[in-house]
Each structure stands twice: as C-alpha cells, then as structure tokens.
Amino acid sequence: MEILSELVIVNITEEIKKHTIQIRKNSSLKLPDCIIAATSMALAIPLISADKQLSNLKGLNIILYEK
C-alpha cells in the first residue's frame, strides 16, 4: 500500500481533451487508452505499458514491458 501514497490524481484538462480527440481520430484505440496516452503526453511523462499498439502513437514516450 506504500506505493499508493505516491500516486497523484490528475484532472482532465483542456490540453488532455485536445490530445485525446486527436488520438481518437487518428487511431483505432478505445477511449480509455486515448485518455491515458493523452495524459502522458500532456504531462510529458513516459507511459509504461505492455500494449504494443500504443507504440505507434507519434509523440508518446512509451516504455514497453513484457508480461
């Protein structure tokens, strides 16, 4: 539970909304994945994921891991 104390809740800003719309228009990703990727982009932080489809997004700093 110690790791949970390090988490930060991020509100959806206009910038995140704009990124989400662009990603959704230009990809086949589902909306939750678009929001997650857009949040990562807007905050300029890497996204750690096993979803290789996300690596196709231009401008997303993704760290792929294997399950």
C-alpha atoms as a PDB file:
ATOM      1  CA  MET A   1       0.000   0.000   0.000  1.00  0.00           C
ATOM      2  CA  GLU A   2       3.011   2.279   0.316  1.00  0.00           C
ATOM      3  CA  ILE A   3       3.105   2.772  -3.455  1.00  0.00           C
ATOM      4  CA  LEU A   4      -0.459   4.114  -3.427  1.00  0.00           C
ATOM      5  CA  SER A   5       0.636   7.039  -1.289  1.00  0.00           C
ATOM      6  CA  GLU A   6       2.887   8.121  -4.180  1.00  0.00           C
ATOM      7  CA  LEU A   7       0.077   8.273  -6.758  1.00  0.00           C
ATOM      8  CA  VAL A   8      -1.285  11.580  -7.970  1.00  0.00           C
ATOM      9  CA  ILE A   9      -4.812  12.068  -9.296  1.00  0.00           C
ATOM     10  CA  VAL A  10      -4.803  14.142 -12.478  1.00  0.00           C
ATOM     11  CA  ASN A  11      -7.849  16.082 -13.606  1.00  0.00           C
ATOM     12  CA  ILE A  12      -8.671  16.067 -17.305  1.00  0.00           C
ATOM     13  CA  THR A  13      -7.557  19.444 -18.634  1.00  0.00           C
ATOM     14  CA  GLU A  14      -8.315  21.113 -21.961  1.00  0.00           C
ATOM     15  CA  GLU A  15      -4.873  20.017 -23.199  1.00  0.00           C
ATOM     16  CA  ILE A  16      -5.615  16.390 -22.307  1.00  0.00           C
ATOM     17  CA  LYS A  17      -9.008  16.663 -24.030  1.00  0.00           C
ATOM     18  CA  LYS A  18      -7.381  18.020 -27.211  1.00  0.00           C
ATOM     19  CA  HIS A  19      -4.758  15.248 -27.249  1.00  0.00           C
ATOM     20  CA  THR A  20      -7.490  12.658 -26.598  1.00  0.00           C
ATOM     21  CA  ILE A  21      -9.581  13.865 -29.534  1.00  0.00           C
ATOM     22  CA  GLN A  22      -6.575  13.839 -31.888  1.00  0.00           C
ATOM     23  CA  ILE A  23      -5.520  10.336 -30.824  1.00  0.00           C
ATOM     24  CA  ARG A  24      -9.081   9.016 -31.138  1.00  0.00           C
ATOM     25  CA  LYS A  25      -9.460  10.490 -34.638  1.00  0.00           C
ATOM     26  CA  ASN A  26      -6.150   9.078 -35.857  1.00  0.00           C
ATOM     27  CA  SER A  27      -6.109   5.620 -34.275  1.00  0.00           C
ATOM     28  CA  SER A  28      -8.249   2.602 -33.535  1.00  0.00           C
ATOM     29  CA  LEU A  29      -7.608   2.867 -29.793  1.00  0.00           C
ATOM     30  CA  LYS A  30     -10.528   2.780 -27.397  1.00  0.00           C
ATOM     31  CA  LEU A  31     -11.362   5.954 -25.486  1.00  0.00           C
ATOM     32  CA  PRO A  32      -9.786   4.926 -22.129  1.00  0.00           C
ATOM     33  CA  ASP A  33      -6.466   4.182 -23.866  1.00  0.00           C
ATOM     34  CA  CYS A  34      -6.669   7.531 -25.669  1.00  0.00           C
ATOM     35  CA  ILE A  35      -7.193   9.358 -22.381  1.00  0.00           C
ATOM     36  CA  ILE A  36      -4.276   7.554 -20.739  1.00  0.00           C
ATOM     37  CA  ALA A  37      -1.940   8.279 -23.670  1.00  0.00           C
ATOM     38  CA  ALA A  38      -3.107  11.903 -23.879  1.00  0.00           C
ATOM     39  CA  THR A  39      -2.477  12.402 -20.173  1.00  0.00           C
ATOM     40  CA  SER A  40       1.039  11.044 -20.534  1.00  0.00           C
ATOM     41  CA  MET A  41       1.677  13.381 -23.463  1.00  0.00           C
ATOM     42  CA  ALA A  42       0.229  16.449 -21.749  1.00  0.00           C
ATOM     43  CA  LEU A  43       2.279  15.867 -18.604  1.00  0.00           C
ATOM     44  CA  ALA A  44       5.405  14.956 -20.626  1.00  0.00           C
ATOM     45  CA  ILE A  45       5.912  11.765 -18.632  1.00  0.00           C
ATOM     46  CA  PRO A  46       6.655   8.290 -20.001  1.00  0.00           C
ATOM     47  CA  LEU A  47       3.864   5.752 -20.171  1.00  0.00           C
ATOM     48  CA  ILE A  48       4.730   2.227 -19.071  1.00  0.00           C
ATOM     49  CA  SER A  49       2.570  -0.341 -20.841  1.00  0.00           C
ATOM     50  CA  ALA A  50       2.541  -3.799 -22.386  1.00  0.00           C
ATOM     51  CA  ASP A  51       0.227  -2.563 -25.160  1.00  0.00           C
ATOM     52  CA  LYS A  52       2.368  -2.528 -28.301  1.00  0.00           C
ATOM     53  CA  GLN A  53      -0.361  -0.680 -30.198  1.00  0.00           C
ATOM     54  CA  LEU A  54       0.440   2.418 -28.138  1.00  0.00           C
ATOM     55  CA  SER A  55       3.989   2.484 -29.516  1.00  0.00           C
ATOM     56  CA  ASN A  56       2.536   3.641 -32.849  1.00  0.00           C
ATOM     57  CA  LEU A  57       1.426   6.975 -31.387  1.00  0.00           C
ATOM     58  CA  LYS A  58       3.597   9.853 -32.532  1.00  0.00           C
ATOM     59  CA  GLY A  59       4.793  11.995 -29.643  1.00  0.00           C
ATOM     60  CA  LEU A  60       4.133   9.403 -26.942  1.00  0.00           C
ATOM     61  CA  ASN A  61       7.109   8.485 -24.778  1.00  0.00           C
ATOM     62  CA  ILE A  62       6.321   4.836 -24.096  1.00  0.00           C
ATOM     63  CA  ILE A  63       8.266   2.205 -22.209  1.00  0.00           C
ATOM     64  CA  LEU A  64       7.101  -1.229 -23.331  1.00  0.00           C
ATOM     65  CA  TYR A  65       7.363  -4.127 -20.951  1.00  0.00           C
ATOM     66  CA  GLU A  66       6.697  -7.802 -21.491  1.00  0.00           C
ATOM     67  CA  LYS A  67       4.157  -9.620 -19.353  1.00  0.00           C
END
